[in-house]
Amino acid sequence: MDGGSRLMLHPDKTRIVDVTQPGGFDFLGYHFELGQRWPRQKSLKKFKAALRAKTKRANGQSLQAIIANVNRSVRGWFGYFKHSHRYTFEPLDRLMRTRLRSILRKRSGRSGRGRGADHRRWSNDFFAEHGLFSFVAAHAQLRQSLTG
């Protein structure tokens, strides 16, 4: 090496931003804005598409197998995005349970998404007892371990 190698910044991809201003910026899958961070829209869309692929209503696997498959992806995704703002996680937990309720409705001969009585029939605790990973619980545990 000649020792003259220098890091070159791409002018279209490099900018200086003030993180205290509205608008924020995307970087490494996160969106940073006003001192907070959460997954950028593209990251959320990719996660939701992967979840939908694993939770098709016509899935012939057992509920345990489906949950185990979902948990593998969800744990990895959480491992990367665990530093997101806490409000990121409740909608994702809700989406996972909704997808699983739809599978259970189909298997019991009903159509549509799980609503109303289905939330009592297959409660959040039902899914927790079956080992479904919870973003909210994992994030709360992470926050507690960081403060304790």
Protein backbone atom coordinates (compact mmCIF):
# COMPACT_ATOMS: atom_id res chain seq x y z
CA MET A 1 0.00 0.00 0.00
CA ASP A 2 1.17 3.46 -0.78
CA GLY A 3 -0.25 4.94 2.41
CA GLY A 4 -2.17 7.46 0.31
CA SER A 5 -5.49 5.55 0.40
CA ARG A 6 -8.23 7.73 1.71
CA LEU A 7 -11.80 7.16 2.68
CA MET A 8 -14.07 8.69 0.07
CA LEU A 9 -17.61 9.68 1.02
CA HIS A 10 -20.32 9.35 -1.61
CA PRO A 11 -21.81 12.84 -2.10
CA ASP A 12 -25.36 11.53 -2.74
CA LYS A 13 -25.33 9.25 0.29
CA THR A 14 -23.58 11.50 2.79
CA ARG A 15 -25.10 14.45 4.59
CA ILE A 16 -24.86 16.19 7.90
CA VAL A 17 -28.12 16.29 9.85
CA ASP A 18 -29.31 17.88 13.06
CA VAL A 19 -30.93 15.02 14.99
CA THR A 20 -32.92 17.47 17.12
CA GLN A 21 -34.90 18.67 14.09
CA PRO A 22 -38.10 17.06 12.71
CA GLY A 23 -37.73 14.87 9.65
CA GLY A 24 -34.92 12.68 10.89
CA PHE A 25 -32.91 10.26 8.78
CA ASP A 26 -32.66 6.54 8.01
CA PHE A 27 -29.53 4.57 8.79
CA LEU A 28 -28.85 0.81 9.00
CA GLY A 29 -32.55 -0.11 9.07
CA TYR A 30 -33.48 2.43 11.73
CA HIS A 31 -35.18 5.82 11.47
CA PHE A 32 -33.71 8.43 13.81
CA GLU A 33 -35.72 11.50 14.71
CA LEU A 34 -35.91 13.92 17.65
CA GLY A 35 -33.73 11.77 19.88
CA GLN A 36 -35.75 8.59 19.24
CA ARG A 37 -35.22 5.61 16.95
CA TRP A 38 -37.45 2.98 15.46
CA PRO A 39 -37.35 0.62 12.47
CA ARG A 40 -37.62 2.45 9.18
CA GLN A 41 -40.69 1.78 7.04
CA LYS A 42 -38.82 -0.52 4.66
CA SER A 43 -37.65 -2.66 7.61
CA LEU A 44 -41.19 -2.92 8.98
CA LYS A 45 -42.61 -3.86 5.56
CA LYS A 46 -40.01 -6.59 5.14
CA PHE A 47 -40.74 -7.99 8.62
CA LYS A 48 -44.51 -7.97 8.02
CA ALA A 49 -44.11 -9.69 4.65
CA ALA A 50 -41.99 -12.43 6.26
CA LEU A 51 -44.59 -12.85 9.02
CA ARG A 52 -47.42 -13.12 6.48
CA ALA A 53 -45.48 -15.77 4.56
CA LYS A 54 -45.09 -17.85 7.74
CA THR A 55 -48.71 -17.45 8.86
CA LYS A 56 -50.81 -18.25 5.80
CA ARG A 57 -54.33 -19.34 6.71
CA ALA A 58 -53.99 -22.58 4.74
CA ASN A 59 -50.85 -23.55 6.65
CA GLY A 60 -51.03 -27.27 7.38
CA GLN A 61 -48.53 -27.25 10.25
CA SER A 62 -49.48 -27.54 13.91
CA LEU A 63 -49.88 -24.35 15.90
CA GLN A 64 -46.74 -25.28 17.85
CA ALA A 65 -44.72 -25.62 14.62
CA ILE A 66 -46.05 -22.32 13.26
CA ILE A 67 -45.21 -20.52 16.51
CA ALA A 68 -41.72 -22.05 16.59
CA ASN A 69 -41.12 -20.89 13.00
CA VAL A 70 -42.44 -17.40 13.72
CA ASN A 71 -40.39 -17.15 16.93
CA ARG A 72 -37.13 -17.83 15.08
CA SER A 73 -37.66 -14.82 12.83
CA VAL A 74 -39.14 -12.60 15.51
CA ARG A 75 -36.32 -13.18 17.98
CA GLY A 76 -33.72 -12.32 15.37
CA TRP A 77 -35.61 -9.21 14.29
CA PHE A 78 -36.00 -8.10 17.92
CA GLY A 79 -32.32 -8.75 18.55
CA TYR A 80 -31.48 -6.15 15.94
CA PHE A 81 -34.27 -3.62 16.61
CA LYS A 82 -34.46 -3.99 20.41
CA HIS A 83 -33.23 -0.43 20.89
CA SER A 84 -36.30 0.99 19.15
CA HIS A 85 -38.81 3.22 20.91
CA ARG A 86 -41.12 1.11 23.07
CA TYR A 87 -44.25 2.05 21.09
CA THR A 88 -42.81 0.12 18.15
CA PHE A 89 -43.58 -3.27 19.62
CA GLU A 90 -47.28 -3.45 20.62
CA PRO A 91 -48.58 -3.22 17.02
CA LEU A 92 -46.22 -6.00 15.97
CA ASP A 93 -47.37 -8.27 18.82
CA ARG A 94 -50.97 -7.52 17.82
CA LEU A 95 -50.24 -8.38 14.18
CA MET A 96 -48.68 -11.73 15.12
CA ARG A 97 -51.65 -12.73 17.28
CA THR A 98 -54.14 -11.57 14.63
CA ARG A 99 -52.45 -13.74 12.01
CA LEU A 100 -52.50 -16.76 14.34
CA ARG A 101 -56.15 -16.17 15.28
CA SER A 102 -57.01 -16.16 11.57
CA ILE A 103 -55.39 -19.58 11.19
CA LEU A 104 -57.31 -20.89 14.20
CA ARG A 105 -60.61 -19.43 12.87
CA LYS A 106 -60.07 -21.16 9.53
CA ARG A 107 -59.35 -24.47 11.26
CA SER A 108 -62.57 -24.17 13.24
CA GLY A 109 -64.58 -23.56 10.05
CA ARG A 110 -65.02 -19.80 10.30
CA SER A 111 -63.81 -17.15 7.92
CA GLY A 112 -62.33 -13.71 8.44
CA ARG A 113 -59.98 -12.25 10.98
CA GLY A 114 -60.20 -12.98 14.67
CA ARG A 115 -62.26 -10.33 16.48
CA GLY A 116 -64.48 -9.99 19.53
CA ALA A 117 -65.18 -13.44 20.94
CA ASP A 118 -62.02 -14.77 19.32
CA HIS A 119 -59.97 -12.59 21.66
CA ARG A 120 -61.57 -14.42 24.57
CA ARG A 121 -61.37 -17.83 22.89
CA TRP A 122 -57.69 -17.37 21.97
CA SER A 123 -56.49 -14.72 24.39
CA ASN A 124 -53.06 -13.14 24.52
CA ASP A 125 -52.34 -15.46 27.46
CA PHE A 126 -53.27 -18.46 25.28
CA PHE A 127 -50.51 -17.51 22.83
CA ALA A 128 -48.05 -16.81 25.65
CA GLU A 129 -48.78 -20.28 27.09
CA HIS A 130 -48.06 -21.75 23.65
CA GLY A 131 -44.67 -20.03 23.64
CA LEU A 132 -45.31 -17.12 21.24
CA PHE A 133 -42.54 -14.54 21.60
CA SER A 134 -43.77 -11.15 22.79
CA PHE A 135 -41.96 -8.01 21.67
CA VAL A 136 -43.53 -6.01 24.50
CA ALA A 137 -42.49 -8.49 27.20
CA ALA A 138 -38.97 -8.85 25.78
CA HIS A 139 -38.55 -5.08 25.53
CA ALA A 140 -39.81 -4.57 29.09
CA GLN A 141 -37.38 -7.23 30.34
CA LEU A 142 -34.54 -5.58 28.42
CA ARG A 143 -35.34 -2.16 29.87
CA GLN A 144 -35.54 -3.62 33.37
CA SER A 145 -32.17 -5.35 33.01
CA LEU A 146 -30.59 -2.10 31.80
CA THR A 147 -31.87 -0.13 34.80
CA GLY A 148 -31.30 -2.80 37.46
